[in-house]
Amino acid sequence: MRTLVTFFGKEFNSGQPKAEFTKPTNYGDDVCRWFIGAMKEAGVDADDEPQQDDNGWYYCFRIPVGRFCVIVTCRPAPDPEESLWICWIENHCGFVGSLMGHRLKNISPHAVECLHRVFTKTDRVTGALWHDYDKFKQGYEQSGAVSPDE
C-alpha cells in the first residue's frame, strides 16, 4: 500500500516564514491544522495542534488499530500554486521502536484510508498522488496513483 501522498495547495503557506519556524522553510503547520480539523470532523481522534520537526510539521492520530503520525513537508516554488506538498504516514512507535525501524513498516491500511478520505472530500488541493514511500525517497516520483490501493 502507498503511504506517501503529494499534492498542490495554493491556499497553504509555502513562502512566508513565521517567527516560530525553527528553519525559514519549515512550512506545513497550516496543512497539518487542516488535516487535524478534517480528521476530527470525521470522528478520528487526532492531536489538537501539530508539532514542528527538522524539516516540517507532524501530528498524530489514533484509530482502533493503533497510533500513527502524519509528517508534512514542502518543496516551495516561487508561485505558491506550484509548491509541492509531501506527506507520509508513520507508525507512532516511540524512541526504541523508531531505532529498530518500525516507523515505516507495516502501516495499517486503515490509517492510510483515514488520510485518503481527507483528499476525497475537498477542493483545497489538486493533483493528489499516492506513492510508495521507499521508491519516492529514491527519486521515483513519477509513479504516483490517485488511490493508495493502486
N, C-alpha and C. Protein backbone atom coordinates (compact mmCIF):
# COMPACT_ATOMS: atom_id res chain seq x y z
N MET A 1 0.85 -1.19 0.00
CA MET A 1 0.00 0.00 0.00
C MET A 1 0.89 1.24 0.00
N ARG A 2 0.47 2.24 -0.73
CA ARG A 2 1.20 3.51 -0.82
C ARG A 2 0.91 4.33 0.44
N THR A 3 1.94 4.89 1.04
CA THR A 3 1.78 5.62 2.30
C THR A 3 2.25 7.06 2.24
N LEU A 4 2.68 7.51 1.07
CA LEU A 4 3.14 8.89 0.89
C LEU A 4 2.27 9.54 -0.17
N VAL A 5 1.84 10.76 0.10
CA VAL A 5 0.99 11.47 -0.85
C VAL A 5 1.59 12.84 -1.15
N THR A 6 1.54 13.24 -2.42
CA THR A 6 1.98 14.57 -2.83
C THR A 6 0.77 15.31 -3.38
N PHE A 7 0.79 16.62 -3.24
CA PHE A 7 -0.32 17.42 -3.77
C PHE A 7 0.09 18.87 -3.87
N PHE A 8 -0.74 19.66 -4.54
CA PHE A 8 -0.57 21.10 -4.64
C PHE A 8 -1.72 21.74 -3.89
N GLY A 9 -1.43 22.83 -3.19
CA GLY A 9 -2.47 23.52 -2.44
C GLY A 9 -2.12 24.99 -2.31
N LYS A 10 -2.68 25.80 -3.19
CA LYS A 10 -2.32 27.22 -3.23
C LYS A 10 -2.76 27.99 -1.99
N GLU A 11 -3.69 27.44 -1.22
CA GLU A 11 -4.17 28.14 -0.02
C GLU A 11 -3.20 28.03 1.15
N PHE A 12 -2.24 27.12 1.05
CA PHE A 12 -1.33 26.89 2.17
C PHE A 12 -0.08 27.73 2.04
N ASN A 13 0.48 28.14 3.17
CA ASN A 13 1.66 28.99 3.20
C ASN A 13 2.91 28.20 2.79
N SER A 14 3.49 28.60 1.67
CA SER A 14 4.74 27.98 1.23
C SER A 14 5.78 29.04 0.87
N GLY A 15 5.58 30.26 1.38
CA GLY A 15 6.50 31.31 1.01
C GLY A 15 6.76 32.37 2.07
N GLN A 16 6.02 32.35 3.16
CA GLN A 16 6.20 33.37 4.19
C GLN A 16 6.65 32.72 5.50
N PRO A 17 7.96 32.77 5.79
CA PRO A 17 8.44 32.20 7.06
C PRO A 17 7.76 32.87 8.25
N LYS A 18 7.54 32.10 9.29
CA LYS A 18 6.95 32.63 10.52
C LYS A 18 7.99 32.61 11.63
N ALA A 19 7.82 33.49 12.60
CA ALA A 19 8.78 33.60 13.71
C ALA A 19 8.96 32.28 14.45
N GLU A 20 7.90 31.47 14.53
CA GLU A 20 8.00 30.21 15.29
C GLU A 20 8.67 29.08 14.51
N PHE A 21 8.97 29.27 13.24
CA PHE A 21 9.63 28.23 12.46
C PHE A 21 11.07 28.07 12.95
N THR A 22 11.50 26.83 13.17
CA THR A 22 12.89 26.59 13.57
C THR A 22 13.84 26.77 12.39
N LYS A 23 13.31 26.61 11.17
CA LYS A 23 14.05 26.92 9.94
C LYS A 23 13.12 27.74 9.07
N PRO A 24 13.64 28.67 8.29
CA PRO A 24 12.77 29.54 7.48
C PRO A 24 11.83 28.79 6.55
N THR A 25 12.21 27.59 6.12
CA THR A 25 11.37 26.85 5.17
C THR A 25 10.57 25.72 5.82
N ASN A 26 10.36 25.79 7.11
CA ASN A 26 9.58 24.76 7.81
C ASN A 26 8.08 25.00 7.64
N TYR A 27 7.63 24.93 6.41
CA TYR A 27 6.21 25.13 6.12
C TYR A 27 5.43 23.86 6.43
N GLY A 28 4.13 24.00 6.61
CA GLY A 28 3.29 22.84 6.80
C GLY A 28 2.39 22.89 8.02
N ASP A 29 2.57 23.90 8.87
CA ASP A 29 1.72 23.98 10.07
C ASP A 29 0.25 24.13 9.70
N ASP A 30 -0.02 24.94 8.68
CA ASP A 30 -1.42 25.14 8.28
C ASP A 30 -2.00 23.90 7.59
N VAL A 31 -1.16 23.16 6.88
CA VAL A 31 -1.62 21.91 6.27
C VAL A 31 -2.00 20.92 7.37
N CYS A 32 -1.13 20.79 8.38
CA CYS A 32 -1.43 19.89 9.50
C CYS A 32 -2.72 20.30 10.20
N ARG A 33 -2.90 21.59 10.42
CA ARG A 33 -4.13 22.04 11.10
C ARG A 33 -5.37 21.69 10.26
N TRP A 34 -5.25 21.80 8.96
CA TRP A 34 -6.36 21.42 8.08
C TRP A 34 -6.63 19.92 8.19
N PHE A 35 -5.56 19.10 8.11
CA PHE A 35 -5.72 17.65 8.26
C PHE A 35 -6.37 17.31 9.60
N ILE A 36 -5.88 17.92 10.68
CA ILE A 36 -6.40 17.65 12.02
C ILE A 36 -7.89 17.95 12.06
N GLY A 37 -8.28 19.13 11.56
CA GLY A 37 -9.69 19.51 11.55
C GLY A 37 -10.55 18.55 10.76
N ALA A 38 -10.06 18.15 9.58
CA ALA A 38 -10.83 17.23 8.73
C ALA A 38 -10.96 15.86 9.39
N MET A 39 -9.90 15.40 10.01
CA MET A 39 -9.96 14.09 10.67
C MET A 39 -10.90 14.13 11.88
N LYS A 40 -10.79 15.19 12.67
CA LYS A 40 -11.68 15.30 13.83
C LYS A 40 -13.14 15.38 13.38
N GLU A 41 -13.38 16.10 12.31
CA GLU A 41 -14.74 16.21 11.77
C GLU A 41 -15.27 14.84 11.36
N ALA A 42 -14.37 13.95 10.93
CA ALA A 42 -14.75 12.60 10.53
C ALA A 42 -14.79 11.63 11.72
N GLY A 43 -14.55 12.16 12.93
CA GLY A 43 -14.62 11.32 14.12
C GLY A 43 -13.33 10.64 14.52
N VAL A 44 -12.21 11.03 13.89
CA VAL A 44 -10.92 10.43 14.22
C VAL A 44 -10.30 11.21 15.38
N ASP A 45 -9.72 10.50 16.33
CA ASP A 45 -9.05 11.11 17.48
C ASP A 45 -7.67 11.60 17.06
N ALA A 46 -7.53 12.91 16.87
CA ALA A 46 -6.26 13.49 16.40
C ALA A 46 -5.77 14.52 17.41
N ASP A 47 -4.46 14.77 17.39
CA ASP A 47 -3.88 15.82 18.23
C ASP A 47 -4.60 17.14 17.99
N ASP A 48 -4.55 18.02 18.97
CA ASP A 48 -5.16 19.33 18.82
C ASP A 48 -4.30 20.28 17.99
N GLU A 49 -2.98 20.16 18.12
CA GLU A 49 -2.05 21.05 17.43
C GLU A 49 -0.91 20.23 16.83
N PRO A 50 -0.38 20.68 15.70
CA PRO A 50 0.78 20.00 15.12
C PRO A 50 2.06 20.35 15.88
N GLN A 51 3.08 19.54 15.68
CA GLN A 51 4.40 19.77 16.26
C GLN A 51 5.39 19.98 15.12
N GLN A 52 6.42 20.75 15.40
CA GLN A 52 7.44 21.03 14.39
C GLN A 52 8.58 20.02 14.51
N ASP A 53 9.12 19.60 13.37
CA ASP A 53 10.33 18.79 13.41
C ASP A 53 11.38 19.46 12.52
N ASP A 54 12.45 18.76 12.23
CA ASP A 54 13.56 19.37 11.50
C ASP A 54 13.21 19.87 10.10
N ASN A 55 12.28 19.21 9.43
CA ASN A 55 12.00 19.55 8.03
C ASN A 55 10.55 19.86 7.74
N GLY A 56 9.76 20.08 8.75
CA GLY A 56 8.35 20.36 8.52
C GLY A 56 7.56 20.22 9.80
N TRP A 57 6.37 19.65 9.68
CA TRP A 57 5.46 19.53 10.81
C TRP A 57 4.84 18.14 10.82
N TYR A 58 4.29 17.76 11.97
CA TYR A 58 3.61 16.47 12.06
C TYR A 58 2.53 16.55 13.12
N TYR A 59 1.63 15.61 13.07
CA TYR A 59 0.63 15.42 14.12
C TYR A 59 0.34 13.93 14.19
N CYS A 60 -0.26 13.52 15.29
CA CYS A 60 -0.59 12.10 15.47
C CYS A 60 -2.09 11.92 15.54
N PHE A 61 -2.53 10.74 15.17
CA PHE A 61 -3.94 10.39 15.31
C PHE A 61 -4.05 8.94 15.75
N ARG A 62 -5.17 8.63 16.37
CA ARG A 62 -5.40 7.30 16.91
C ARG A 62 -6.67 6.71 16.32
N ILE A 63 -6.57 5.46 15.92
CA ILE A 63 -7.72 4.69 15.48
C ILE A 63 -7.63 3.35 16.20
N PRO A 64 -8.67 2.53 16.17
CA PRO A 64 -8.63 1.28 16.94
C PRO A 64 -7.40 0.39 16.70
N VAL A 65 -6.82 0.42 15.50
CA VAL A 65 -5.68 -0.46 15.23
C VAL A 65 -4.34 0.12 15.67
N GLY A 66 -4.30 1.38 16.13
CA GLY A 66 -3.04 1.93 16.60
C GLY A 66 -2.95 3.44 16.51
N ARG A 67 -1.75 3.93 16.80
CA ARG A 67 -1.47 5.37 16.76
C ARG A 67 -0.49 5.62 15.61
N PHE A 68 -0.74 6.70 14.88
CA PHE A 68 0.04 6.99 13.69
C PHE A 68 0.39 8.48 13.64
N CYS A 69 1.44 8.81 12.89
CA CYS A 69 1.83 10.20 12.69
C CYS A 69 1.76 10.53 11.20
N VAL A 70 1.37 11.75 10.92
CA VAL A 70 1.39 12.28 9.55
C VAL A 70 2.47 13.36 9.53
N ILE A 71 3.45 13.18 8.67
CA ILE A 71 4.55 14.12 8.53
C ILE A 71 4.27 14.96 7.28
N VAL A 72 4.45 16.28 7.40
CA VAL A 72 4.16 17.19 6.29
C VAL A 72 5.39 18.05 6.02
N THR A 73 5.81 18.09 4.77
CA THR A 73 6.91 18.95 4.37
C THR A 73 6.56 19.57 3.01
N CYS A 74 7.37 20.52 2.57
CA CYS A 74 7.04 21.25 1.35
C CYS A 74 8.29 21.50 0.52
N ARG A 75 8.11 21.45 -0.79
CA ARG A 75 9.13 21.93 -1.73
C ARG A 75 8.60 23.24 -2.28
N PRO A 76 8.99 24.36 -1.67
CA PRO A 76 8.46 25.65 -2.10
C PRO A 76 8.85 25.99 -3.53
N ALA A 77 7.96 26.72 -4.19
CA ALA A 77 8.21 27.24 -5.54
C ALA A 77 7.88 28.73 -5.51
N PRO A 78 8.44 29.51 -6.43
CA PRO A 78 8.13 30.94 -6.46
C PRO A 78 6.63 31.21 -6.54
N ASP A 79 5.92 30.40 -7.28
CA ASP A 79 4.47 30.51 -7.37
C ASP A 79 3.87 29.49 -6.40
N PRO A 80 3.12 29.96 -5.37
CA PRO A 80 2.56 29.03 -4.38
C PRO A 80 1.74 27.89 -4.99
N GLU A 81 1.14 28.13 -6.14
CA GLU A 81 0.36 27.07 -6.78
C GLU A 81 1.23 25.92 -7.26
N GLU A 82 2.54 26.17 -7.38
CA GLU A 82 3.46 25.14 -7.85
C GLU A 82 4.25 24.49 -6.73
N SER A 83 4.06 24.94 -5.50
CA SER A 83 4.76 24.32 -4.37
C SER A 83 4.21 22.92 -4.16
N LEU A 84 5.10 21.96 -4.02
CA LEU A 84 4.71 20.57 -3.84
C LEU A 84 4.70 20.22 -2.36
N TRP A 85 3.55 19.76 -1.89
CA TRP A 85 3.41 19.29 -0.51
C TRP A 85 3.63 17.79 -0.50
N ILE A 86 4.39 17.32 0.48
CA ILE A 86 4.70 15.89 0.61
C ILE A 86 4.32 15.46 2.02
N CYS A 87 3.48 14.44 2.11
CA CYS A 87 3.02 13.93 3.41
C CYS A 87 3.16 12.42 3.42
N TRP A 88 3.50 11.87 4.56
CA TRP A 88 3.52 10.42 4.69
C TRP A 88 3.08 10.01 6.09
N ILE A 89 2.70 8.76 6.18
CA ILE A 89 2.19 8.22 7.44
C ILE A 89 3.25 7.29 8.03
N GLU A 90 3.45 7.42 9.34
CA GLU A 90 4.36 6.55 10.08
C GLU A 90 3.62 5.95 11.26
N ASN A 91 4.10 4.80 11.71
CA ASN A 91 3.62 4.26 12.97
C ASN A 91 4.17 5.12 14.10
N HIS A 92 3.39 5.36 15.11
CA HIS A 92 3.89 6.04 16.30
C HIS A 92 4.41 4.94 17.20
N CYS A 93 5.73 4.80 17.29
CA CYS A 93 6.28 3.64 17.98
C CYS A 93 7.29 3.98 19.06
N GLY A 94 7.49 5.25 19.35
CA GLY A 94 8.44 5.63 20.39
C GLY A 94 9.88 5.54 19.93
N PHE A 95 10.76 5.90 20.83
CA PHE A 95 12.19 6.01 20.51
C PHE A 95 12.80 4.66 20.13
N VAL A 96 12.58 3.65 20.96
CA VAL A 96 13.18 2.33 20.70
C VAL A 96 12.63 1.73 19.41
N GLY A 97 11.32 1.79 19.24
CA GLY A 97 10.72 1.27 18.01
C GLY A 97 11.24 2.00 16.78
N SER A 98 11.45 3.29 16.93
CA SER A 98 11.98 4.09 15.84
C SER A 98 13.41 3.64 15.48
N LEU A 99 14.23 3.41 16.51
CA LEU A 99 15.59 2.93 16.27
C LEU A 99 15.60 1.58 15.57
N MET A 100 14.59 0.78 15.83
CA MET A 100 14.52 -0.55 15.23
C MET A 100 13.84 -0.53 13.85
N GLY A 101 13.48 0.65 13.37
CA GLY A 101 12.93 0.78 12.03
C GLY A 101 11.45 0.50 11.90
N HIS A 102 10.71 0.56 13.01
CA HIS A 102 9.29 0.22 12.97
C HIS A 102 8.38 1.36 12.48
N ARG A 103 8.90 2.58 12.39
CA ARG A 103 8.04 3.70 11.99
C ARG A 103 7.42 3.51 10.62
N LEU A 104 8.18 2.93 9.70
CA LEU A 104 7.72 2.84 8.32
C LEU A 104 7.32 1.43 7.89
N LYS A 105 7.30 0.49 8.82
CA LYS A 105 6.96 -0.90 8.48
C LYS A 105 5.51 -1.21 8.81
N ASN A 106 4.86 -1.92 7.92
CA ASN A 106 3.51 -2.43 8.16
C ASN A 106 2.52 -1.36 8.60
N ILE A 107 2.47 -0.26 7.86
CA ILE A 107 1.49 0.80 8.14
C ILE A 107 0.10 0.22 7.87
N SER A 108 -0.80 0.41 8.79
CA SER A 108 -2.15 -0.12 8.64
C SER A 108 -2.89 0.55 7.48
N PRO A 109 -3.54 -0.24 6.63
CA PRO A 109 -4.36 0.34 5.56
C PRO A 109 -5.46 1.25 6.12
N HIS A 110 -5.91 0.98 7.33
CA HIS A 110 -6.94 1.82 7.95
C HIS A 110 -6.41 3.23 8.21
N ALA A 111 -5.14 3.33 8.59
CA ALA A 111 -4.53 4.64 8.82
C ALA A 111 -4.42 5.41 7.51
N VAL A 112 -3.99 4.72 6.46
CA VAL A 112 -3.86 5.36 5.15
C VAL A 112 -5.23 5.83 4.66
N GLU A 113 -6.23 5.01 4.87
CA GLU A 113 -7.60 5.36 4.44
C GLU A 113 -8.10 6.62 5.16
N CYS A 114 -7.75 6.78 6.43
CA CYS A 114 -8.16 7.99 7.17
C CYS A 114 -7.64 9.25 6.48
N LEU A 115 -6.38 9.22 6.05
CA LEU A 115 -5.81 10.38 5.38
C LEU A 115 -6.37 10.52 3.96
N HIS A 116 -6.53 9.41 3.27
CA HIS A 116 -7.05 9.45 1.90
C HIS A 116 -8.45 10.08 1.86
N ARG A 117 -9.27 9.80 2.84
CA ARG A 117 -10.63 10.37 2.88
C ARG A 117 -10.60 11.89 2.91
N VAL A 118 -9.58 12.47 3.55
CA VAL A 118 -9.46 13.94 3.58
C VAL A 118 -9.33 14.47 2.15
N PHE A 119 -8.54 13.79 1.32
CA PHE A 119 -8.32 14.24 -0.06
C PHE A 119 -9.53 14.04 -0.95
N THR A 120 -10.35 13.06 -0.64
CA THR A 120 -11.50 12.80 -1.50
C THR A 120 -12.69 13.70 -1.18
N LYS A 121 -12.59 14.48 -0.11
CA LYS A 121 -13.73 15.32 0.29
C LYS A 121 -13.38 16.81 0.30
N THR A 122 -12.49 17.24 -0.58
CA THR A 122 -12.09 18.64 -0.56
C THR A 122 -11.74 19.14 -1.96
N ASP A 123 -11.79 20.45 -2.11
CA ASP A 123 -11.30 21.07 -3.33
C ASP A 123 -10.13 22.00 -3.00
N ARG A 124 -9.60 21.89 -1.78
CA ARG A 124 -8.48 22.74 -1.36
C ARG A 124 -7.15 22.30 -1.94
N VAL A 125 -7.09 21.08 -2.45
CA VAL A 125 -5.84 20.58 -3.02
C VAL A 125 -6.08 20.07 -4.43
N THR A 126 -5.02 20.05 -5.21
CA THR A 126 -5.10 19.50 -6.56
C THR A 126 -3.95 18.52 -6.76
N GLY A 127 -4.13 17.64 -7.72
CA GLY A 127 -3.06 16.73 -8.12
C GLY A 127 -2.59 15.76 -7.06
N ALA A 128 -3.46 15.36 -6.14
CA ALA A 128 -3.04 14.42 -5.09
C ALA A 128 -2.68 13.07 -5.71
N LEU A 129 -1.46 12.62 -5.43
CA LEU A 129 -0.99 11.33 -5.92
C LEU A 129 -0.32 10.56 -4.79
N TRP A 130 -0.65 9.30 -4.69
CA TRP A 130 -0.09 8.42 -3.66
C TRP A 130 1.12 7.68 -4.23
N HIS A 131 2.16 7.55 -3.40
CA HIS A 131 3.42 6.93 -3.81
C HIS A 131 3.87 5.88 -2.81
N ASP A 132 4.69 4.97 -3.28
CA ASP A 132 5.41 4.06 -2.39
C ASP A 132 6.51 4.89 -1.72
N TYR A 133 6.54 4.89 -0.40
CA TYR A 133 7.48 5.74 0.34
C TYR A 133 8.93 5.51 -0.11
N ASP A 134 9.37 4.26 -0.10
CA ASP A 134 10.77 3.96 -0.42
C ASP A 134 11.13 4.38 -1.84
N LYS A 135 10.27 4.09 -2.79
CA LYS A 135 10.55 4.46 -4.18
C LYS A 135 10.61 5.98 -4.34
N PHE A 136 9.69 6.69 -3.68
CA PHE A 136 9.68 8.14 -3.77
C PHE A 136 10.98 8.72 -3.21
N LYS A 137 11.41 8.22 -2.06
CA LYS A 137 12.64 8.72 -1.43
C LYS A 137 13.88 8.39 -2.27
N GLN A 138 13.77 7.38 -3.14
CA GLN A 138 14.88 7.03 -4.03
C GLN A 138 14.84 7.83 -5.33
N GLY A 139 13.83 8.69 -5.48
CA GLY A 139 13.76 9.55 -6.66
C GLY A 139 12.73 9.16 -7.70
N TYR A 140 12.02 8.06 -7.48
CA TYR A 140 10.98 7.64 -8.43
C TYR A 140 9.69 8.37 -8.10
N GLU A 141 9.60 9.61 -8.56
CA GLU A 141 8.48 10.46 -8.18
C GLU A 141 7.37 10.48 -9.23
N GLN A 142 7.56 9.85 -10.35
CA GLN A 142 6.57 9.91 -11.42
C GLN A 142 5.59 8.74 -11.39
N SER A 143 5.69 7.89 -10.39
CA SER A 143 4.85 6.69 -10.38
C SER A 143 3.68 6.81 -9.39
N GLY A 144 3.15 8.01 -9.23
CA GLY A 144 2.04 8.21 -8.31
C GLY A 144 0.72 7.68 -8.85
N ALA A 145 -0.20 7.43 -7.92
CA ALA A 145 -1.54 6.94 -8.28
C ALA A 145 -2.58 7.72 -7.49
N VAL A 146 -3.78 7.82 -8.03
CA VAL A 146 -4.84 8.60 -7.37
C VAL A 146 -5.32 7.95 -6.08
N SER A 147 -5.10 6.67 -5.94
CA SER A 147 -5.55 5.95 -4.75
C SER A 147 -4.36 5.24 -4.10
N PRO A 148 -4.33 5.16 -2.79
CA PRO A 148 -3.22 4.44 -2.14
C PRO A 148 -3.26 2.94 -2.41
N ASP A 149 -4.39 2.43 -2.88
CA ASP A 149 -4.54 0.99 -3.13
C ASP A 149 -3.99 0.55 -4.48
N GLU A 150 -3.78 1.48 -5.40
CA GLU A 150 -3.37 1.10 -6.76
C GLU A 150 -1.94 0.60 -6.81
